[in-house]
Amino acid sequence: MRSACRRLVSFVTRPLYLAAFVVTACSMAAAVAATTKLHDPDVWWVAAAGREMVASARIPRENLFSFTEPHHAWLMHEWLLAPPYALGLERLGPAFLVFLGLLVSSAGLLFILEGTVGRARHAGAGLALALVSVLFFSGRLLSARPTGVALLFPLALCLVAFAPRVSAGGALLSVAIELVWTNTHGSFPLGLVLLAVAWLDADADRRLRLATFVLALLVTAVNSGGLALYRFVLRYALGETGIYRTIHGQIHEFRSVLGAWGTTVDAVDLVGLALVLALSGSASFVTRHRVRASFCLLLIVGALAQARNIGLAGLLGCQLMVPWADELWERFRLVPAEEAPSPLVSYRWLLAPPLALGLGLFLFSTARRPPGELLARGPALLHGLRFVRDGSHLYVPFSEAGAAIWYDFPRGVRVFFDSRNDCYSPETFRSFLLLGERGTPQPVARRILARSHTDAVLIPKGHPLSFLGDEPGWARQFAEGNWSLYGRAEAHSIGTE
């Protein structure tokens, strides 16, 4: 029995077979990125902010897209993404966001393969880690969502910072990555931690690595918010006060693995984390791997505390544990020692079929489909947004608020609440949640709508606010598919009631 199991393991871990598995997994990921409809609300308000930036030549500082708190302070830490999103969406429509998701996934797969297959001494070890990365942790890389784009930075920085030798050019590239990361997403402090770990872990070029860390720390001060960005990141990370505490309590991905179970976390995530935990835990007993392994274990602890960090912990763990995987591969002799790796396992060849498949599926799926068909909620949502009267104060569910901002803000329409979250007070967030909860009494919902001066409600079938169809002073103005638009008989008349 033991001999048969060993033969089976030896068979499936041969480089060519592992390469086939990796190509299949990457192709599946590319296919998902190229064909999945748009469901993330963040890409829309990022593009809308970019449109305003291009028009005004300045970064927004206030919550201008909402009628409930239009002057609430807003720190637009993703500002560098905004103009490209806006220009692409204006010229190509929603298909641009799908294509951007395909680009992000392609870049992510490239970094994964380079950091595993490209760094491993044994092709089998690198391919095994690449397979784990793609199967278990690549989900966030399959869309244009800013949090997915932000994952590209630690993957790229690992390739440069943890190279066996670092040149002056490599040091400057690391600093440049950190600078762009700082102005693209609030997760940039992780880059400084990576550079510090690379310095502690290195056997060569330690002075240059330390200088790289210091210079990278300095360039993080070059951002749109100055020192306020650091306070913003700290408050978001801790989630102890104000709106940040509410976000941690209400948004599933900010919860622990147990708190997010069944929503953003499932058994697949735990299996992937368990594999990286086993690899990192075993490496921590070996002195020369202890620094990297300890960092990977800390990442796993962070992932258990906040489910949104699972992909990050898994991807970086697979990249940083390549040297230890090589040693395990040699120790257990999973393939005959005399077998030479095939040139077919080069990451460049591995990525070609997935890219071709993804591009082909993208062109096929978007060529003749109208813009509304690319949205997860379908064309009825876009039609409903067109029926909203100019200047309306619109309530729309959380996942559709971003699209409402993009399409209707130029007509003076403002939303009740959207996925920026930190642009609002805890009281407004709680009021918004009450309007969407089935247990909220109708008198409470009426008071919230009246107090907030909401005069338009665009909701799907079965939403708790569907009672407005029989409410005096309200009338259904649009109905198509699962969507209905309710409006007050006289727009903006609430303030006189």
Protein backbone atom coordinates (compact mmCIF):
# COMPACT_ATOMS: atom_id res chain seq x y z
CA MET A 1 0.00 0.00 0.00
CA ARG A 2 2.79 2.41 0.93
CA SER A 3 4.63 1.57 -2.27
CA ALA A 4 1.51 2.22 -4.37
CA CYS A 5 0.93 5.59 -2.68
CA ARG A 6 4.53 6.56 -3.29
CA ARG A 7 4.24 5.66 -6.97
CA LEU A 8 1.04 7.71 -7.23
CA VAL A 9 2.67 10.74 -5.56
CA SER A 10 5.72 10.35 -7.78
CA PHE A 11 3.46 10.24 -10.84
CA VAL A 12 1.35 13.34 -10.10
CA THR A 13 4.34 15.40 -8.95
CA ARG A 14 6.36 15.01 -12.13
CA PRO A 15 7.09 18.50 -13.52
CA LEU A 16 5.24 17.99 -16.81
CA TYR A 17 2.09 16.81 -15.06
CA LEU A 18 2.28 19.61 -12.51
CA ALA A 19 2.78 22.05 -15.38
CA ALA A 20 -0.43 20.77 -16.96
CA PHE A 21 -2.28 21.26 -13.67
CA VAL A 22 -0.92 24.82 -13.35
CA VAL A 23 -1.87 25.71 -16.93
CA THR A 24 -5.37 24.36 -16.31
CA ALA A 25 -5.75 26.34 -13.06
CA CYS A 26 -4.45 29.54 -14.68
CA SER A 27 -6.76 29.04 -17.66
CA MET A 28 -9.73 28.67 -15.33
CA ALA A 29 -8.74 31.88 -13.54
CA ALA A 30 -8.36 33.76 -16.84
CA ALA A 31 -11.72 32.47 -18.03
CA VAL A 32 -13.43 33.66 -14.86
CA ALA A 33 -11.81 37.11 -15.13
CA ALA A 34 -12.83 37.44 -18.79
CA THR A 35 -16.46 36.34 -18.47
CA THR A 36 -17.68 37.22 -14.95
CA LYS A 37 -20.17 40.06 -14.90
CA LEU A 38 -19.42 43.23 -12.95
CA HIS A 39 -20.63 42.98 -9.38
CA ASP A 40 -18.13 45.06 -7.39
CA PRO A 41 -19.42 48.54 -6.45
CA ASP A 42 -15.98 50.07 -5.82
CA VAL A 43 -14.82 50.27 -9.43
CA TRP A 44 -17.66 52.64 -10.29
CA TRP A 45 -17.09 55.28 -7.62
CA VAL A 46 -13.34 55.14 -8.24
CA ALA A 47 -14.06 55.96 -11.89
CA ALA A 48 -16.51 58.69 -10.88
CA ALA A 49 -13.87 60.25 -8.64
CA GLY A 50 -11.44 60.11 -11.54
CA ARG A 51 -13.93 61.91 -13.75
CA GLU A 52 -14.19 64.69 -11.20
CA MET A 53 -10.39 64.81 -10.83
CA VAL A 54 -9.92 65.23 -14.57
CA ALA A 55 -12.59 67.96 -14.68
CA SER A 56 -11.39 69.90 -11.63
CA ALA A 57 -7.66 69.04 -11.64
CA ARG A 58 -7.79 68.22 -7.93
CA ILE A 59 -8.36 65.21 -5.68
CA PRO A 60 -11.78 65.14 -3.94
CA ARG A 61 -11.63 65.97 -0.24
CA GLU A 62 -15.32 65.68 0.65
CA ASN A 63 -18.06 63.10 0.23
CA LEU A 64 -19.52 64.80 -2.82
CA PHE A 65 -21.49 61.79 -4.13
CA SER A 66 -23.96 61.54 -1.22
CA PHE A 67 -26.87 63.73 -0.16
CA THR A 68 -26.88 62.52 3.46
CA GLU A 69 -23.38 63.81 4.31
CA PRO A 70 -22.05 65.67 1.26
CA HIS A 71 -19.39 67.56 3.21
CA HIS A 72 -18.06 64.67 5.27
CA ALA A 73 -14.27 64.47 4.95
CA TRP A 74 -13.01 61.97 2.39
CA LEU A 75 -9.42 60.79 2.10
CA MET A 76 -9.22 59.39 -1.44
CA HIS A 77 -6.27 57.06 -0.89
CA GLU A 78 -6.87 55.23 -4.21
CA TRP A 79 -6.60 58.40 -6.26
CA LEU A 80 -3.93 57.11 -8.65
CA LEU A 81 -6.36 54.53 -10.03
CA ALA A 82 -9.17 57.01 -10.54
CA PRO A 83 -8.28 58.86 -13.79
CA PRO A 84 -7.40 55.67 -15.74
CA TYR A 85 -10.64 54.04 -14.58
CA ALA A 86 -12.63 57.10 -15.63
CA LEU A 87 -11.02 57.48 -19.04
CA GLY A 88 -11.36 53.78 -19.83
CA LEU A 89 -14.97 53.60 -18.69
CA GLU A 90 -15.95 56.73 -20.62
CA ARG A 91 -14.43 55.49 -23.86
CA LEU A 92 -15.12 51.75 -23.74
CA GLY A 93 -18.01 51.42 -21.31
CA PRO A 94 -18.33 48.55 -18.80
CA ALA A 95 -16.31 46.27 -21.09
CA PHE A 96 -13.25 48.24 -20.01
CA LEU A 97 -13.69 47.11 -16.41
CA VAL A 98 -13.91 43.48 -17.50
CA PHE A 99 -10.79 43.90 -19.62
CA LEU A 100 -9.00 45.61 -16.74
CA GLY A 101 -9.87 42.66 -14.53
CA LEU A 102 -8.32 40.38 -17.14
CA LEU A 103 -5.16 42.52 -17.13
CA VAL A 104 -4.95 42.43 -13.34
CA SER A 105 -5.38 38.66 -13.27
CA SER A 106 -2.76 38.22 -16.02
CA ALA A 107 -0.24 40.37 -14.15
CA GLY A 108 -1.02 38.50 -10.94
CA LEU A 109 -0.51 35.11 -12.58
CA LEU A 110 2.76 36.32 -14.08
CA PHE A 111 4.05 37.45 -10.68
CA ILE A 112 2.90 34.19 -9.08
CA LEU A 113 4.68 32.05 -11.65
CA GLU A 114 7.84 34.16 -11.58
CA GLY A 115 7.93 34.11 -7.79
CA THR A 116 7.46 30.33 -7.56
CA VAL A 117 8.51 28.50 -10.74
CA GLY A 118 10.96 31.24 -11.66
CA ARG A 119 12.67 31.17 -8.24
CA ALA A 120 12.65 27.46 -7.42
CA ARG A 121 15.68 25.24 -8.03
CA HIS A 122 13.36 22.30 -8.60
CA ALA A 123 10.60 22.76 -11.13
CA GLY A 124 8.27 20.47 -9.20
CA ALA A 125 8.54 22.52 -6.00
CA GLY A 126 7.88 25.78 -7.82
CA LEU A 127 4.97 24.32 -9.79
CA ALA A 128 3.39 22.89 -6.64
CA LEU A 129 3.50 26.28 -4.92
CA ALA A 130 2.15 27.99 -8.06
CA LEU A 131 -0.73 25.52 -8.14
CA VAL A 132 -1.60 26.21 -4.49
CA SER A 133 -1.42 29.97 -5.12
CA VAL A 134 -3.77 29.90 -8.10
CA LEU A 135 -6.24 27.34 -6.78
CA PHE A 136 -6.67 28.76 -3.29
CA PHE A 137 -5.64 32.41 -3.25
CA SER A 138 -6.07 34.08 -6.64
CA GLY A 139 -9.72 35.06 -6.24
CA ARG A 140 -9.06 38.73 -5.49
CA LEU A 141 -6.92 39.04 -8.62
CA LEU A 142 -9.82 38.27 -10.95
CA SER A 143 -11.41 41.72 -11.10
CA ALA A 144 -10.55 45.40 -11.37
CA ARG A 145 -11.43 45.99 -7.72
CA PRO A 146 -8.82 48.22 -6.02
CA THR A 147 -8.12 45.63 -3.33
CA GLY A 148 -7.24 43.17 -6.10
CA VAL A 149 -5.02 45.67 -7.87
CA ALA A 150 -3.29 46.33 -4.54
CA LEU A 151 -2.26 42.66 -4.30
CA LEU A 152 0.01 43.16 -7.30
CA PHE A 153 2.31 45.42 -5.28
CA PRO A 154 3.40 42.92 -2.59
CA LEU A 155 3.80 40.23 -5.25
CA ALA A 156 6.01 42.51 -7.34
CA LEU A 157 7.95 43.76 -4.33
CA CYS A 158 8.69 40.20 -3.20
CA LEU A 159 10.30 39.51 -6.57
CA VAL A 160 12.64 42.48 -6.20
CA ALA A 161 13.27 42.68 -2.44
CA PHE A 162 13.89 38.98 -1.85
CA ALA A 163 16.21 38.45 -4.80
CA PRO A 164 19.49 36.77 -3.74
CA ARG A 165 21.37 39.91 -4.76
CA VAL A 166 20.08 43.47 -4.99
CA SER A 167 21.60 46.09 -7.26
CA ALA A 168 21.14 49.85 -7.14
CA GLY A 169 18.56 49.50 -9.89
CA GLY A 170 16.68 46.90 -7.90
CA ALA A 171 16.73 49.14 -4.84
CA LEU A 172 15.30 52.06 -6.81
CA LEU A 173 12.66 49.79 -8.30
CA SER A 174 11.61 48.71 -4.80
CA VAL A 175 11.29 52.36 -3.75
CA ALA A 176 9.28 53.15 -6.90
CA ILE A 177 6.90 50.26 -6.19
CA GLU A 178 6.38 51.55 -2.66
CA LEU A 179 5.73 55.09 -3.90
CA VAL A 180 3.11 53.98 -6.41
CA TRP A 181 1.59 51.61 -3.86
CA THR A 182 1.26 54.45 -1.32
CA ASN A 183 -0.81 56.47 -3.76
CA THR A 184 -2.89 53.53 -4.94
CA HIS A 185 -4.07 51.77 -1.79
CA GLY A 186 -3.92 52.07 1.98
CA SER A 187 -2.20 48.70 2.38
CA PHE A 188 1.17 50.29 1.54
CA PRO A 189 2.70 49.86 5.07
CA LEU A 190 2.99 46.17 4.26
CA GLY A 191 5.61 47.12 1.68
CA LEU A 192 7.80 48.58 4.39
CA VAL A 193 7.42 45.41 6.44
CA LEU A 194 8.41 43.32 3.41
CA LEU A 195 11.54 45.41 2.89
CA ALA A 196 12.43 45.08 6.58
CA VAL A 197 11.97 41.30 6.47
CA ALA A 198 14.08 41.10 3.29
CA TRP A 199 16.87 43.01 5.08
CA LEU A 200 16.74 40.78 8.15
CA ASP A 201 16.61 37.63 6.05
CA ALA A 202 19.39 38.47 3.58
CA ASP A 203 22.93 37.17 3.58
CA ALA A 204 24.16 39.70 0.98
CA ASP A 205 23.76 43.43 0.24
CA ARG A 206 22.46 44.15 3.73
CA ARG A 207 23.51 47.83 3.72
CA LEU A 208 21.83 48.44 0.40
CA ARG A 209 18.68 46.67 1.60
CA LEU A 210 18.62 48.79 4.75
CA ALA A 211 19.07 51.96 2.66
CA THR A 212 16.21 50.79 0.44
CA PHE A 213 13.95 50.42 3.46
CA VAL A 214 14.83 53.91 4.76
CA LEU A 215 14.30 55.54 1.37
CA ALA A 216 11.00 53.70 0.88
CA LEU A 217 9.86 54.91 4.29
CA LEU A 218 10.62 58.48 3.28
CA VAL A 219 8.76 58.33 -0.04
CA THR A 220 5.57 57.13 1.66
CA ALA A 221 5.23 60.73 2.89
CA VAL A 222 4.67 61.74 -0.75
CA ASN A 223 0.92 61.19 -0.92
CA SER A 224 -2.30 63.12 -1.30
CA GLY A 225 -3.15 63.08 2.41
CA GLY A 226 0.20 63.64 4.06
CA LEU A 227 0.38 62.39 7.64
CA ALA A 228 -3.41 62.00 7.67
CA LEU A 229 -2.97 58.93 5.48
CA TYR A 230 -1.08 57.15 8.26
CA ARG A 231 -3.84 57.94 10.77
CA PHE A 232 -6.41 56.74 8.26
CA VAL A 233 -4.63 53.41 7.72
CA LEU A 234 -4.17 52.87 11.46
CA ARG A 235 -7.83 53.55 12.23
CA TYR A 236 -8.94 51.22 9.45
CA ALA A 237 -6.60 48.48 10.70
CA LEU A 238 -7.64 48.75 14.35
CA GLY A 239 -11.35 49.44 13.83
CA GLU A 240 -11.80 50.62 17.40
CA THR A 241 -13.61 53.96 17.07
CA GLY A 242 -16.24 55.75 15.00
CA ILE A 243 -17.11 54.63 11.52
CA TYR A 244 -14.13 52.25 11.46
CA ARG A 245 -15.60 50.25 14.32
CA THR A 246 -18.91 50.07 12.47
CA ILE A 247 -17.16 48.92 9.29
CA HIS A 248 -15.38 46.12 11.16
CA GLY A 249 -18.66 45.02 12.65
CA GLN A 250 -20.78 45.15 9.50
CA ILE A 251 -18.54 44.33 6.53
CA HIS A 252 -17.97 40.58 6.44
CA GLU A 253 -14.44 40.64 5.07
CA PHE A 254 -13.25 42.68 8.07
CA ARG A 255 -14.41 39.95 10.44
CA SER A 256 -12.46 36.96 11.65
CA VAL A 257 -12.52 33.70 9.72
CA LEU A 258 -15.24 32.43 12.05
CA GLY A 259 -17.25 35.64 11.78
CA ALA A 260 -17.08 35.60 7.98
CA TRP A 261 -17.70 31.87 7.61
CA GLY A 262 -20.30 31.13 4.95
CA THR A 263 -20.07 34.58 3.39
CA THR A 264 -16.54 35.44 2.28
CA VAL A 265 -14.85 32.37 3.80
CA ASP A 266 -15.39 28.68 3.07
CA ALA A 267 -13.61 25.36 3.36
CA VAL A 268 -11.40 26.06 0.34
CA ASP A 269 -9.86 29.03 2.14
CA LEU A 270 -9.12 26.96 5.22
CA VAL A 271 -7.51 24.16 3.19
CA GLY A 272 -5.27 26.68 1.44
CA LEU A 273 -4.31 28.36 4.71
CA ALA A 274 -3.62 24.98 6.30
CA LEU A 275 -1.17 24.10 3.52
CA VAL A 276 0.72 27.38 3.90
CA LEU A 277 0.60 27.06 7.69
CA ALA A 278 2.14 23.59 7.52
CA LEU A 279 4.87 24.79 5.17
CA SER A 280 5.68 27.91 7.20
CA GLY A 281 5.42 26.14 10.53
CA SER A 282 7.88 23.44 9.52
CA ALA A 283 10.27 26.06 8.11
CA SER A 284 10.25 27.98 11.38
CA PHE A 285 12.30 25.18 13.00
CA VAL A 286 15.14 25.72 10.53
CA THR A 287 17.38 28.64 11.45
CA ARG A 288 18.11 29.88 7.95
CA HIS A 289 14.37 30.03 7.12
CA ARG A 290 13.13 31.34 10.46
CA VAL A 291 12.77 35.03 9.54
CA ARG A 292 10.66 34.36 6.46
CA ALA A 293 8.68 31.64 8.17
CA SER A 294 7.89 33.83 11.19
CA PHE A 295 6.64 36.59 8.90
CA CYS A 296 4.45 34.12 7.00
CA LEU A 297 3.00 32.84 10.26
CA LEU A 298 2.17 36.41 11.29
CA LEU A 299 0.40 36.88 7.98
CA ILE A 300 -1.67 33.78 8.65
CA VAL A 301 -2.59 35.10 12.10
CA GLY A 302 -3.68 38.34 10.42
CA ALA A 303 -5.76 36.36 7.93
CA LEU A 304 -7.50 34.47 10.73
CA ALA A 305 -8.26 37.78 12.46
CA GLN A 306 -9.47 39.50 9.27
CA ALA A 307 -10.77 37.34 6.45
CA ARG A 308 -9.84 39.93 3.83
CA ASN A 309 -6.17 39.02 4.36
CA ILE A 310 -6.47 35.35 3.40
CA GLY A 311 -5.40 35.86 -0.21
CA LEU A 312 -2.48 38.05 0.81
CA ALA A 313 -1.21 35.56 3.41
CA GLY A 314 -1.46 32.66 0.99
CA LEU A 315 0.16 34.34 -1.99
CA LEU A 316 3.09 35.77 -0.05
CA GLY A 317 3.51 32.56 1.92
CA CYS A 318 3.88 30.54 -1.27
CA GLN A 319 6.43 32.98 -2.68
CA LEU A 320 8.55 33.31 0.45
CA MET A 321 8.61 29.59 1.22
CA VAL A 322 10.13 28.59 -2.14
CA PRO A 323 13.63 27.90 -0.64
CA TRP A 324 12.15 25.63 2.02
CA ALA A 325 9.95 23.86 -0.56
CA ASP A 326 13.09 23.18 -2.60
CA GLU A 327 14.72 21.56 0.41
CA LEU A 328 11.65 19.44 1.11
CA TRP A 329 11.54 18.39 -2.52
CA GLU A 330 15.14 17.17 -2.27
CA ARG A 331 14.61 15.54 1.09
CA PHE A 332 11.60 13.46 0.08
CA ARG A 333 12.82 12.76 -3.46
CA LEU A 334 9.37 13.15 -4.97
CA VAL A 335 10.84 12.62 -8.47
CA PRO A 336 13.96 10.71 -9.50
CA ALA A 337 17.07 12.75 -8.76
CA GLU A 338 18.41 12.30 -12.27
CA GLU A 339 15.27 13.67 -13.96
CA ALA A 340 15.99 17.09 -15.45
CA PRO A 341 13.26 19.73 -15.50
CA SER A 342 11.65 20.19 -18.90
CA PRO A 343 11.96 23.60 -20.59
CA LEU A 344 8.19 23.48 -21.00
CA VAL A 345 7.77 24.37 -17.32
CA SER A 346 9.09 27.90 -17.86
CA TYR A 347 6.53 30.33 -16.52
CA ARG A 348 6.50 32.16 -19.85
CA TRP A 349 5.19 29.07 -21.62
CA LEU A 350 2.80 28.31 -18.81
CA LEU A 351 1.11 31.69 -19.09
CA ALA A 352 0.60 31.69 -22.87
CA PRO A 353 -2.47 29.38 -23.05
CA PRO A 354 -4.36 31.13 -20.21
CA LEU A 355 -3.74 34.56 -21.76
CA ALA A 356 -4.91 33.42 -25.18
CA LEU A 357 -7.99 31.79 -23.69
CA GLY A 358 -8.83 34.82 -21.54
CA LEU A 359 -8.48 37.28 -24.39
CA GLY A 360 -10.53 35.11 -26.72
CA LEU A 361 -13.33 34.69 -24.19
CA PHE A 362 -13.31 38.42 -23.45
CA LEU A 363 -13.69 39.34 -27.11
CA PHE A 364 -16.38 36.71 -27.64
CA SER A 365 -18.39 37.60 -24.53
CA THR A 366 -18.32 41.39 -24.96
CA ALA A 367 -18.43 41.87 -28.74
CA ARG A 368 -22.19 41.90 -29.18
CA ARG A 369 -23.45 42.38 -25.66
CA PRO A 370 -24.95 45.75 -24.66
CA PRO A 371 -23.43 47.50 -21.62
CA GLY A 372 -26.24 46.45 -19.31
CA GLU A 373 -25.58 42.77 -19.99
CA LEU A 374 -22.12 43.10 -18.45
CA LEU A 375 -23.55 44.14 -15.08
CA ALA A 376 -24.38 41.44 -12.55
CA ARG A 377 -27.82 42.97 -12.01
CA GLY A 378 -28.49 43.17 -15.75
CA PRO A 379 -29.81 45.91 -18.03
CA ALA A 380 -32.88 46.55 -15.87
CA LEU A 381 -30.68 48.32 -13.32
CA LEU A 382 -29.30 50.70 -15.94
CA HIS A 383 -32.78 51.37 -17.28
CA GLY A 384 -33.98 52.15 -13.77
CA LEU A 385 -31.11 54.56 -13.19
CA ARG A 386 -32.07 56.43 -16.37
CA PHE A 387 -35.60 56.92 -15.00
CA VAL A 388 -34.34 58.63 -11.82
CA ARG A 389 -35.17 62.32 -12.03
CA ASP A 390 -32.37 64.85 -12.22
CA GLY A 391 -31.27 66.08 -8.83
CA SER A 392 -32.92 63.22 -6.93
CA HIS A 393 -31.90 62.00 -3.50
CA LEU A 394 -31.67 58.29 -4.28
CA TYR A 395 -31.70 55.27 -2.03
CA VAL A 396 -30.20 52.26 -3.81
CA PRO A 397 -28.78 49.06 -2.25
CA PHE A 398 -25.12 48.89 -1.24
CA SER A 399 -23.94 46.83 -4.21
CA GLU A 400 -25.56 49.13 -6.78
CA ALA A 401 -24.68 52.52 -5.30
CA GLY A 402 -21.36 52.69 -7.15
CA ALA A 403 -23.04 52.28 -10.55
CA ALA A 404 -25.64 54.90 -9.56
CA ILE A 405 -22.82 57.33 -8.76
CA TRP A 406 -21.12 56.77 -12.11
CA TYR A 407 -24.21 57.02 -14.29
CA ASP A 408 -26.35 59.58 -12.43
CA PHE A 409 -24.01 61.93 -10.55
CA PRO A 410 -23.55 64.16 -13.65
CA ARG A 411 -27.34 64.72 -13.57
CA GLY A 412 -27.26 65.92 -9.99
CA VAL A 413 -28.40 62.63 -8.45
CA ARG A 414 -26.89 61.83 -5.05
CA VAL A 415 -27.03 58.52 -3.17
CA PHE A 416 -27.91 57.75 0.44
CA PHE A 417 -24.85 55.57 1.12
CA ASP A 418 -22.20 53.73 -0.89
CA SER A 419 -19.28 51.35 -0.44
CA ARG A 420 -16.72 54.01 0.41
CA ASN A 421 -18.01 53.54 3.97
CA ASP A 422 -15.49 55.81 5.72
CA CYS A 423 -17.05 58.88 4.09
CA TYR A 424 -20.02 58.59 6.43
CA SER A 425 -20.80 58.76 10.14
CA PRO A 426 -21.77 55.62 12.09
CA GLU A 427 -25.29 57.04 12.45
CA THR A 428 -25.78 57.29 8.69
CA PHE A 429 -24.38 53.78 8.21
CA ARG A 430 -26.80 52.38 10.79
CA SER A 431 -29.74 54.20 9.21
CA PHE A 432 -28.82 52.79 5.83
CA LEU A 433 -28.60 49.27 7.27
CA LEU A 434 -32.03 49.65 8.87
CA LEU A 435 -33.59 50.53 5.53
CA GLY A 436 -32.34 47.25 4.09
CA GLU A 437 -33.21 44.95 7.00
CA ARG A 438 -36.39 42.90 6.89
CA GLY A 439 -37.03 43.30 10.58
CA THR A 440 -37.15 47.10 10.47
CA PRO A 441 -40.68 48.37 11.28
CA GLN A 442 -42.23 50.43 8.51
CA PRO A 443 -42.70 53.52 10.73
CA VAL A 444 -38.94 53.51 11.43
CA ALA A 445 -38.17 53.26 7.70
CA ARG A 446 -40.60 56.12 6.98
CA ARG A 447 -38.90 58.35 9.54
CA ILE A 448 -35.43 57.62 8.12
CA LEU A 449 -36.58 58.39 4.58
CA ALA A 450 -38.28 61.60 5.68
CA ARG A 451 -35.45 62.79 7.93
CA SER A 452 -32.85 62.18 5.22
CA HIS A 453 -34.94 63.86 2.50
CA THR A 454 -34.87 60.75 0.33
CA ASP A 455 -37.20 61.20 -2.65
CA ALA A 456 -36.30 58.25 -4.91
CA VAL A 457 -35.87 54.55 -4.12
CA LEU A 458 -34.54 52.04 -6.66
CA ILE A 459 -34.75 48.50 -5.27
CA PRO A 460 -34.98 44.87 -6.41
CA LYS A 461 -38.01 42.67 -5.92
CA GLY A 462 -38.53 41.61 -2.33
CA HIS A 463 -36.61 44.49 -0.77
CA PRO A 464 -37.99 45.66 2.62
CA LEU A 465 -38.82 49.08 1.14
CA SER A 466 -41.20 47.53 -1.41
CA PHE A 467 -44.05 48.68 0.82
CA LEU A 468 -43.58 52.11 -0.81
CA GLY A 469 -45.68 50.82 -3.70
CA ASP A 470 -48.74 51.22 -1.46
CA GLU A 471 -47.45 54.22 0.50
CA PRO A 472 -49.36 57.53 0.20
CA GLY A 473 -47.20 60.20 -1.43
CA TRP A 474 -45.08 57.63 -3.25
CA ALA A 475 -45.60 56.18 -6.72
CA ARG A 476 -43.93 53.53 -8.80
CA GLN A 477 -42.17 55.29 -11.66
CA PHE A 478 -40.39 52.34 -13.25
CA ALA A 479 -40.64 48.54 -13.21
CA GLU A 480 -38.61 46.10 -15.25
CA GLY A 481 -37.43 42.64 -14.41
CA ASN A 482 -36.70 42.56 -10.69
CA TRP A 483 -36.20 46.32 -10.36
CA SER A 484 -38.66 49.02 -9.36
CA LEU A 485 -38.21 52.75 -8.91
CA TYR A 486 -40.40 54.57 -6.39
CA GLY A 487 -40.52 58.35 -6.23
CA ARG A 488 -42.25 60.95 -4.16
CA ALA A 489 -45.09 62.75 -5.81
CA GLU A 490 -43.15 66.03 -5.50
CA ALA A 491 -39.36 65.79 -5.56
CA HIS A 492 -37.55 67.32 -2.58
CA SER A 493 -40.83 68.08 -0.79
CA ILE A 494 -39.80 66.21 2.35
CA GLY A 495 -38.15 69.13 3.99
CA THR A 496 -41.50 70.94 4.31
CA GLU A 497 -43.29 68.07 5.96
